[in-house]
């Protein structure tokens, strides 16, 4: 009798929301994303930083360069969730050209937990984030052409998205932006944008599933000692 095989670990998305209003479009984006992930058979965990009362202030004793660094209880919780995830999704509004302070504080205290500038300079991948995929879902009241004309869009992509991927050794840093998000949005516009959220979720789910299949196949080949495709068709 063939022994039962263990169920594979679920593919996990950690969704980090940084907006103070419970009725915001950002909240709708985060919830829509999570729903689409679950519909695809994967797991989504939503962390609403404002609702959690997350403290964005990095303490002197938390500095990665300080001796004997320990995690504060709130950071330890987030680190455990982050470690178990396959993808990290940041959802936030663009305020004054950058993400809100609470999102940057999450990066400082959680992304950077126990990871020093010396390791970044050496090109060492973060043991917490290395190999994970990053997706940013942002909003702005201004239009994207307006942001782009003033250099804000490029600056954000370079200073935040690209830097995080490179510094922590992540695999990708896609960014989907929703512009002209103001009060009293037309229902059709909301629907169209939330459909884009669902599309982004479905795309990342498919990518992560492909990553999992490739990793499983590579592990199976390694265990069998197979020489690979030598001698096969070109």
C-alpha atoms as a PDB file:
ATOM      1  CA  UNK A   1       0.000   0.000   0.000  1.00  0.00           C
ATOM      2  CA  UNK A   2       1.394   3.386  -0.969  1.00  0.00           C
ATOM      3  CA  UNK A   3       1.844   5.626   2.091  1.00  0.00           C
ATOM      4  CA  UNK A   4      -0.083   8.894   1.965  1.00  0.00           C
ATOM      5  CA  UNK A   5       1.944  11.901   0.902  1.00  0.00           C
ATOM      6  CA  UNK A   6       2.076  14.937   3.134  1.00  0.00           C
ATOM      7  CA  UNK A   7       0.046  17.904   2.004  1.00  0.00           C
ATOM      8  CA  UNK A   8       2.306  20.594   0.523  1.00  0.00           C
ATOM      9  CA  UNK A   9       2.834  23.756   2.489  1.00  0.00           C
ATOM     10  CA  UNK A  10       0.421  26.475   1.329  1.00  0.00           C
ATOM     11  CA  UNK A  11       1.780  29.379  -0.669  1.00  0.00           C
ATOM     12  CA  UNK A  12       1.531  32.389   1.613  1.00  0.00           C
ATOM     13  CA  UNK A  13       1.092  36.090   0.817  1.00  0.00           C
ATOM     14  CA  UNK A  14       1.716  38.639   3.571  1.00  0.00           C
ATOM     15  CA  UNK A  15      -0.307  41.788   2.819  1.00  0.00           C
ATOM     16  CA  UNK A  16       0.817  44.890   4.718  1.00  0.00           C
ATOM     17  CA  UNK A  17      -1.652  47.794   4.666  1.00  0.00           C
ATOM     18  CA  UNK A  18      -0.594  51.320   5.595  1.00  0.00           C
ATOM     19  CA  UNK A  19      -3.661  53.595   5.598  1.00  0.00           C
ATOM     20  CA  UNK A  20      -5.428  55.056   8.650  1.00  0.00           C
ATOM     21  CA  UNK A  21      -9.004  54.873   7.334  1.00  0.00           C
ATOM     22  CA  UNK A  22     -11.034  51.673   7.583  1.00  0.00           C
ATOM     23  CA  UNK A  23     -13.169  52.825   4.644  1.00  0.00           C
ATOM     24  CA  UNK A  24     -10.320  53.845   2.348  1.00  0.00           C
ATOM     25  CA  UNK A  25      -9.789  52.661  -1.203  1.00  0.00           C
ATOM     26  CA  UNK A  26      -6.486  51.236   0.041  1.00  0.00           C
ATOM     27  CA  UNK A  27      -8.425  49.016   2.438  1.00  0.00           C
ATOM     28  CA  UNK A  28     -10.600  47.833  -0.457  1.00  0.00           C
ATOM     29  CA  UNK A  29      -7.446  47.090  -2.458  1.00  0.00           C
ATOM     30  CA  UNK A  30      -5.979  44.999   0.377  1.00  0.00           C
ATOM     31  CA  UNK A  31      -9.185  43.066   0.985  1.00  0.00           C
ATOM     32  CA  UNK A  32      -9.749  42.473  -2.737  1.00  0.00           C
ATOM     33  CA  UNK A  33      -6.218  41.201  -3.108  1.00  0.00           C
ATOM     34  CA  UNK A  34      -6.613  38.784  -0.188  1.00  0.00           C
ATOM     35  CA  UNK A  35      -9.919  37.499  -1.553  1.00  0.00           C
ATOM     36  CA  UNK A  36      -8.405  36.839  -4.988  1.00  0.00           C
ATOM     37  CA  UNK A  37      -5.475  34.974  -3.442  1.00  0.00           C
ATOM     38  CA  UNK A  38      -7.804  32.748  -1.425  1.00  0.00           C
ATOM     39  CA  UNK A  39      -9.932  32.079  -4.510  1.00  0.00           C
ATOM     40  CA  UNK A  40      -6.728  30.821  -6.174  1.00  0.00           C
ATOM     41  CA  UNK A  41      -6.210  28.339  -3.335  1.00  0.00           C
ATOM     42  CA  UNK A  42      -3.360  30.214  -1.668  1.00  0.00           C
ATOM     43  CA  UNK A  43      -3.149  31.863   1.749  1.00  0.00           C
ATOM     44  CA  UNK A  44      -3.293  35.609   2.447  1.00  0.00           C
ATOM     45  CA  UNK A  45      -2.643  37.267   5.803  1.00  0.00           C
ATOM     46  CA  UNK A  46      -3.599  40.937   6.128  1.00  0.00           C
ATOM     47  CA  UNK A  47      -1.665  43.136   8.536  1.00  0.00           C
ATOM     48  CA  UNK A  48      -3.359  46.529   8.947  1.00  0.00           C
ATOM     49  CA  UNK A  49      -0.576  48.563  10.547  1.00  0.00           C
ATOM     50  CA  UNK A  50      -2.806  51.361  11.822  1.00  0.00           C
ATOM     51  CA  UNK A  51      -5.396  48.953  13.256  1.00  0.00           C
ATOM     52  CA  UNK A  52      -2.588  47.025  14.944  1.00  0.00           C
ATOM     53  CA  UNK A  53      -1.163  50.219  16.417  1.00  0.00           C
ATOM     54  CA  UNK A  54       2.207  49.313  14.919  1.00  0.00           C
ATOM     55  CA  UNK A  55       4.989  51.537  16.259  1.00  0.00           C
ATOM     56  CA  UNK A  56       7.105  52.768  13.316  1.00  0.00           C
ATOM     57  CA  UNK A  57       9.888  54.186  15.504  1.00  0.00           C
ATOM     58  CA  UNK A  58      13.130  52.218  15.369  1.00  0.00           C
ATOM     59  CA  UNK A  59      14.609  52.058  18.864  1.00  0.00           C
ATOM     60  CA  UNK A  60      18.332  52.586  19.504  1.00  0.00           C
ATOM     61  CA  UNK A  61      18.695  49.043  20.823  1.00  0.00           C
ATOM     62  CA  UNK A  62      17.011  47.649  17.672  1.00  0.00           C
ATOM     63  CA  UNK A  63      19.638  49.098  15.356  1.00  0.00           C
ATOM     64  CA  UNK A  64      21.068  46.126  13.431  1.00  0.00           C
ATOM     65  CA  UNK A  65      24.560  47.433  14.073  1.00  0.00           C
ATOM     66  CA  UNK A  66      24.087  47.439  17.842  1.00  0.00           C
ATOM     67  CA  UNK A  67      25.426  44.473  19.868  1.00  0.00           C
ATOM     68  CA  UNK A  68      23.000  41.891  21.265  1.00  0.00           C
ATOM     69  CA  UNK A  69      20.002  42.903  19.152  1.00  0.00           C
ATOM     70  CA  UNK A  70      16.707  41.366  20.236  1.00  0.00           C
ATOM     71  CA  UNK A  71      13.276  41.638  18.671  1.00  0.00           C
ATOM     72  CA  UNK A  72      10.564  43.603  20.460  1.00  0.00           C
ATOM     73  CA  UNK A  73       7.337  41.546  20.814  1.00  0.00           C
ATOM     74  CA  UNK A  74       5.555  43.421  17.999  1.00  0.00           C
ATOM     75  CA  UNK A  75       8.507  42.969  15.653  1.00  0.00           C
ATOM     76  CA  UNK A  76       8.891  39.292  16.586  1.00  0.00           C
ATOM     77  CA  UNK A  77       5.276  38.682  15.533  1.00  0.00           C
ATOM     78  CA  UNK A  78       5.776  40.381  12.162  1.00  0.00           C
ATOM     79  CA  UNK A  79       9.118  38.672  11.570  1.00  0.00           C
ATOM     80  CA  UNK A  80       7.512  35.245  12.103  1.00  0.00           C
ATOM     81  CA  UNK A  81       4.778  36.052   9.582  1.00  0.00           C
ATOM     82  CA  UNK A  82       7.287  37.450   7.121  1.00  0.00           C
ATOM     83  CA  UNK A  83       9.562  34.434   7.446  1.00  0.00           C
ATOM     84  CA  UNK A  84       6.672  32.077   6.658  1.00  0.00           C
ATOM     85  CA  UNK A  85       5.554  34.043   3.580  1.00  0.00           C
ATOM     86  CA  UNK A  86       6.442  33.517  -0.059  1.00  0.00           C
ATOM     87  CA  UNK A  87       5.469  37.034  -1.152  1.00  0.00           C
ATOM     88  CA  UNK A  88       5.143  40.403   0.528  1.00  0.00           C
ATOM     89  CA  UNK A  89       2.527  42.865  -0.697  1.00  0.00           C
ATOM     90  CA  UNK A  90       2.697  46.497   0.411  1.00  0.00           C
ATOM     91  CA  UNK A  91      -0.515  48.537   0.080  1.00  0.00           C
ATOM     92  CA  UNK A  92      -0.253  52.267   0.732  1.00  0.00           C
ATOM     93  CA  UNK A  93      -1.051  55.791  -0.484  1.00  0.00           C
ATOM     94  CA  UNK A  94       1.670  58.065  -1.802  1.00  0.00           C
ATOM     95  CA  UNK A  95       1.917  61.056   0.519  1.00  0.00           C
ATOM     96  CA  UNK A  96       4.335  63.859  -0.377  1.00  0.00           C
ATOM     97  CA  UNK A  97       6.048  61.571  -2.885  1.00  0.00           C
ATOM     98  CA  UNK A  98       6.699  58.664  -0.518  1.00  0.00           C
ATOM     99  CA  UNK A  99       4.876  55.918   1.421  1.00  0.00           C
ATOM    100  CA  UNK A 100       3.448  56.876   4.837  1.00  0.00           C
ATOM    101  CA  UNK A 101       5.835  56.893   7.798  1.00  0.00           C
ATOM    102  CA  UNK A 102       4.189  53.773   9.244  1.00  0.00           C
ATOM    103  CA  UNK A 103       5.151  51.782   6.123  1.00  0.00           C
ATOM    104  CA  UNK A 104       8.727  53.072   6.202  1.00  0.00           C
ATOM    105  CA  UNK A 105       8.804  52.203   9.909  1.00  0.00           C
ATOM    106  CA  UNK A 106       7.713  48.661   9.057  1.00  0.00           C
ATOM    107  CA  UNK A 107      10.598  48.439   6.614  1.00  0.00           C
ATOM    108  CA  UNK A 108      13.030  49.778   9.236  1.00  0.00           C
ATOM    109  CA  UNK A 109      11.887  47.571  12.108  1.00  0.00           C
ATOM    110  CA  UNK A 110      10.701  44.395  10.358  1.00  0.00           C
ATOM    111  CA  UNK A 111      12.383  44.132   6.951  1.00  0.00           C
ATOM    112  CA  UNK A 112      15.641  45.292   8.511  1.00  0.00           C
ATOM    113  CA  UNK A 113      15.408  43.195  11.689  1.00  0.00           C
ATOM    114  CA  UNK A 114      18.848  41.741  12.377  1.00  0.00           C
ATOM    115  CA  UNK A 115      20.181  42.725   8.945  1.00  0.00           C
ATOM    116  CA  UNK A 116      22.985  45.267   8.888  1.00  0.00           C
ATOM    117  CA  UNK A 117      24.258  47.777   6.360  1.00  0.00           C
ATOM    118  CA  UNK A 118      27.518  45.813   6.193  1.00  0.00           C
ATOM    119  CA  UNK A 119      25.631  42.797   4.851  1.00  0.00           C
ATOM    120  CA  UNK A 120      23.877  44.972   2.276  1.00  0.00           C
ATOM    121  CA  UNK A 121      27.217  46.349   1.086  1.00  0.00           C
ATOM    122  CA  UNK A 122      28.572  42.802   0.739  1.00  0.00           C
ATOM    123  CA  UNK A 123      25.564  41.814  -1.361  1.00  0.00           C
ATOM    124  CA  UNK A 124      24.422  39.217   1.162  1.00  0.00           C
ATOM    125  CA  UNK A 125      20.755  38.271   0.791  1.00  0.00           C
ATOM    126  CA  UNK A 126      18.577  38.803   3.846  1.00  0.00           C
ATOM    127  CA  UNK A 127      17.782  35.474   5.580  1.00  0.00           C
ATOM    128  CA  UNK A 128      14.293  36.858   6.154  1.00  0.00           C
ATOM    129  CA  UNK A 129      13.517  38.278   2.702  1.00  0.00           C
ATOM    130  CA  UNK A 130      16.011  36.720   0.316  1.00  0.00           C
ATOM    131  CA  UNK A 131      14.293  35.046  -2.630  1.00  0.00           C
ATOM    132  CA  UNK A 132      10.814  36.329  -1.790  1.00  0.00           C
ATOM    133  CA  UNK A 133       8.721  38.313  -4.234  1.00  0.00           C
ATOM    134  CA  UNK A 134       7.632  41.888  -3.526  1.00  0.00           C
ATOM    135  CA  UNK A 135       4.506  43.524  -4.912  1.00  0.00           C
ATOM    136  CA  UNK A 136       3.516  47.133  -4.202  1.00  0.00           C
ATOM    137  CA  UNK A 137      -0.032  48.405  -4.682  1.00  0.00           C
ATOM    138  CA  UNK A 138      -0.091  52.175  -4.269  1.00  0.00           C
ATOM    139  CA  UNK A 139      -2.561  55.021  -4.725  1.00  0.00           C
ATOM    140  CA  UNK A 140      -2.393  58.753  -5.230  1.00  0.00           C
ATOM    141  CA  UNK A 141      -4.839  61.618  -5.591  1.00  0.00           C
ATOM    142  CA  UNK A 142      -2.616  63.021  -8.330  1.00  0.00           C
ATOM    143  CA  UNK A 143      -2.453  61.410 -11.748  1.00  0.00           C
ATOM    144  CA  UNK A 144       0.516  59.249 -12.664  1.00  0.00           C
ATOM    145  CA  UNK A 145       1.590  61.623 -15.491  1.00  0.00           C
ATOM    146  CA  UNK A 146       1.628  64.477 -12.939  1.00  0.00           C
ATOM    147  CA  UNK A 147       3.820  62.438 -10.587  1.00  0.00           C
ATOM    148  CA  UNK A 148       6.049  61.346 -13.439  1.00  0.00           C
ATOM    149  CA  UNK A 149       6.518  64.890 -14.779  1.00  0.00           C
ATOM    150  CA  UNK A 150       7.849  65.950 -11.379  1.00  0.00           C
ATOM    151  CA  UNK A 151      10.167  62.980 -11.001  1.00  0.00           C
ATOM    152  CA  UNK A 152       8.239  61.597  -8.034  1.00  0.00           C
ATOM    153  CA  UNK A 153       7.239  58.334  -9.652  1.00  0.00           C
ATOM    154  CA  UNK A 154      10.751  57.474 -10.794  1.00  0.00           C
ATOM    155  CA  UNK A 155      12.175  58.506  -7.438  1.00  0.00           C
ATOM    156  CA  UNK A 156       9.747  56.246  -5.585  1.00  0.00           C
ATOM    157  CA  UNK A 157      10.475  53.296  -7.845  1.00  0.00           C
ATOM    158  CA  UNK A 158      14.223  53.728  -7.456  1.00  0.00           C
ATOM    159  CA  UNK A 159      14.439  54.725  -3.792  1.00  0.00           C
ATOM    160  CA  UNK A 160      11.867  52.258  -2.492  1.00  0.00           C
ATOM    161  CA  UNK A 161      10.962  49.363  -4.808  1.00  0.00           C
ATOM    162  CA  UNK A 162      14.261  48.751  -6.586  1.00  0.00           C
ATOM    163  CA  UNK A 163      16.323  49.423  -3.497  1.00  0.00           C
ATOM    164  CA  UNK A 164      14.347  47.004  -1.325  1.00  0.00           C
ATOM    165  CA  UNK A 165      14.671  44.221  -3.880  1.00  0.00           C
ATOM    166  CA  UNK A 166      18.409  44.752  -4.332  1.00  0.00           C
ATOM    167  CA  UNK A 167      19.273  45.414  -0.690  1.00  0.00           C
ATOM    168  CA  UNK A 168      17.425  42.396   0.711  1.00  0.00           C
ATOM    169  CA  UNK A 169      18.054  39.988  -2.172  1.00  0.00           C
ATOM    170  CA  UNK A 170      14.417  39.626  -3.195  1.00  0.00           C
ATOM    171  CA  UNK A 171      13.405  38.120  -6.531  1.00  0.00           C
ATOM    172  CA  UNK A 172      11.171  40.813  -7.996  1.00  0.00           C
ATOM    173  CA  UNK A 173       9.564  44.139  -7.196  1.00  0.00           C
ATOM    174  CA  UNK A 174       6.445  44.714  -9.264  1.00  0.00           C
ATOM    175  CA  UNK A 175       4.432  47.882  -8.651  1.00  0.00           C
ATOM    176  CA  UNK A 176       0.812  48.562  -9.625  1.00  0.00           C
ATOM    177  CA  UNK A 177      -0.357  52.136  -9.099  1.00  0.00           C
ATOM    178  CA  UNK A 178      -3.893  53.547  -8.971  1.00  0.00           C
ATOM    179  CA  UNK A 179      -4.058  57.256  -9.643  1.00  0.00           C
ATOM    180  CA  UNK A 180      -6.737  59.933  -9.351  1.00  0.00           C
ATOM    181  CA  UNK A 181      -8.052  58.268  -6.194  1.00  0.00           C
ATOM    182  CA  UNK A 182     -10.149  60.986  -4.581  1.00  0.00           C
ATOM    183  CA  UNK A 183     -13.392  61.184  -2.619  1.00  0.00           C
ATOM    184  CA  UNK A 184     -16.680  60.171  -4.267  1.00  0.00           C
ATOM    185  CA  UNK A 185     -15.116  57.980  -6.939  1.00  0.00           C
ATOM    186  CA  UNK A 186     -17.432  56.761  -9.651  1.00  0.00           C
ATOM    187  CA  UNK A 187     -18.508  53.177  -9.092  1.00  0.00           C
ATOM    188  CA  UNK A 188     -17.265  52.130 -12.518  1.00  0.00           C
ATOM    189  CA  UNK A 189     -13.785  53.513 -11.822  1.00  0.00           C
ATOM    190  CA  UNK A 190     -13.632  51.676  -8.484  1.00  0.00           C
ATOM    191  CA  UNK A 191     -14.707  48.441 -10.161  1.00  0.00           C
ATOM    192  CA  UNK A 192     -12.121  48.777 -12.942  1.00  0.00           C
ATOM    193  CA  UNK A 193      -9.302  49.390 -10.492  1.00  0.00           C
ATOM    194  CA  UNK A 194     -10.293  46.538  -8.204  1.00  0.00           C
ATOM    195  CA  UNK A 195     -10.310  44.282 -11.251  1.00  0.00           C
ATOM    196  CA  UNK A 196      -6.693  45.332 -11.770  1.00  0.00           C
ATOM    197  CA  UNK A 197      -6.013  44.295  -8.186  1.00  0.00           C
ATOM    198  CA  UNK A 198      -7.541  40.874  -8.857  1.00  0.00           C
ATOM    199  CA  UNK A 199      -5.430  40.567 -11.984  1.00  0.00           C
ATOM    200  CA  UNK A 200      -2.253  41.428 -10.066  1.00  0.00           C
ATOM    201  CA  UNK A 201      -3.139  38.856  -7.411  1.00  0.00           C
ATOM    202  CA  UNK A 202      -3.830  36.157 -10.000  1.00  0.00           C
ATOM    203  CA  UNK A 203      -0.553  36.888 -11.790  1.00  0.00           C
ATOM    204  CA  UNK A 204       1.498  36.677  -8.609  1.00  0.00           C
ATOM    205  CA  UNK A 205      -0.333  33.515  -7.527  1.00  0.00           C
ATOM    206  CA  UNK A 206       0.561  31.893 -10.853  1.00  0.00           C
ATOM    207  CA  UNK A 207       4.174  33.042 -10.567  1.00  0.00           C
ATOM    208  CA  UNK A 208       4.519  31.667  -7.049  1.00  0.00           C
ATOM    209  CA  UNK A 209       2.946  28.375  -8.067  1.00  0.00           C
ATOM    210  CA  UNK A 210       5.441  28.118 -10.929  1.00  0.00           C
ATOM    211  CA  UNK A 211       8.263  28.908  -8.472  1.00  0.00           C
ATOM    212  CA  UNK A 212       7.023  26.099  -6.213  1.00  0.00           C
ATOM    213  CA  UNK A 213       6.817  23.581  -9.071  1.00  0.00           C
ATOM    214  CA  UNK A 214      10.310  24.459 -10.284  1.00  0.00           C
ATOM    215  CA  UNK A 215      11.753  24.162  -6.781  1.00  0.00           C
ATOM    216  CA  UNK A 216      10.015  20.795  -6.276  1.00  0.00           C
ATOM    217  CA  UNK A 217      11.297  19.484  -9.603  1.00  0.00           C
ATOM    218  CA  UNK A 218      14.834  20.656  -8.847  1.00  0.00           C
ATOM    219  CA  UNK A 219      14.738  18.983  -5.424  1.00  0.00           C
ATOM    220  CA  UNK A 220      13.471  15.734  -6.961  1.00  0.00           C
ATOM    221  CA  UNK A 221      16.284  15.768  -9.533  1.00  0.00           C
ATOM    222  CA  UNK A 222      18.831  16.424  -6.808  1.00  0.00           C
ATOM    223  CA  UNK A 223      17.550  13.468  -4.756  1.00  0.00           C
ATOM    224  CA  UNK A 224      17.550  11.103  -7.736  1.00  0.00           C
ATOM    225  CA  UNK A 225      20.957  12.173  -8.936  1.00  0.00           C
ATOM    226  CA  UNK A 226      19.573  12.580 -12.451  1.00  0.00           C
ATOM    227  CA  UNK A 227      22.082  14.019 -14.957  1.00  0.00           C
ATOM    228  CA  UNK A 228      19.327  16.249 -16.378  1.00  0.00           C
ATOM    229  CA  UNK A 229      18.386  16.514 -20.030  1.00  0.00           C
ATOM    230  CA  UNK A 230      21.636  15.224 -21.519  1.00  0.00           C
ATOM    231  CA  UNK A 231      20.947  13.159 -24.591  1.00  0.00           C
ATOM    232  CA  UNK A 232      17.431  14.527 -25.013  1.00  0.00           C
ATOM    233  CA  UNK A 233      15.977  16.538 -27.849  1.00  0.00           C
ATOM    234  CA  UNK A 234      17.427  19.994 -28.399  1.00  0.00           C
END
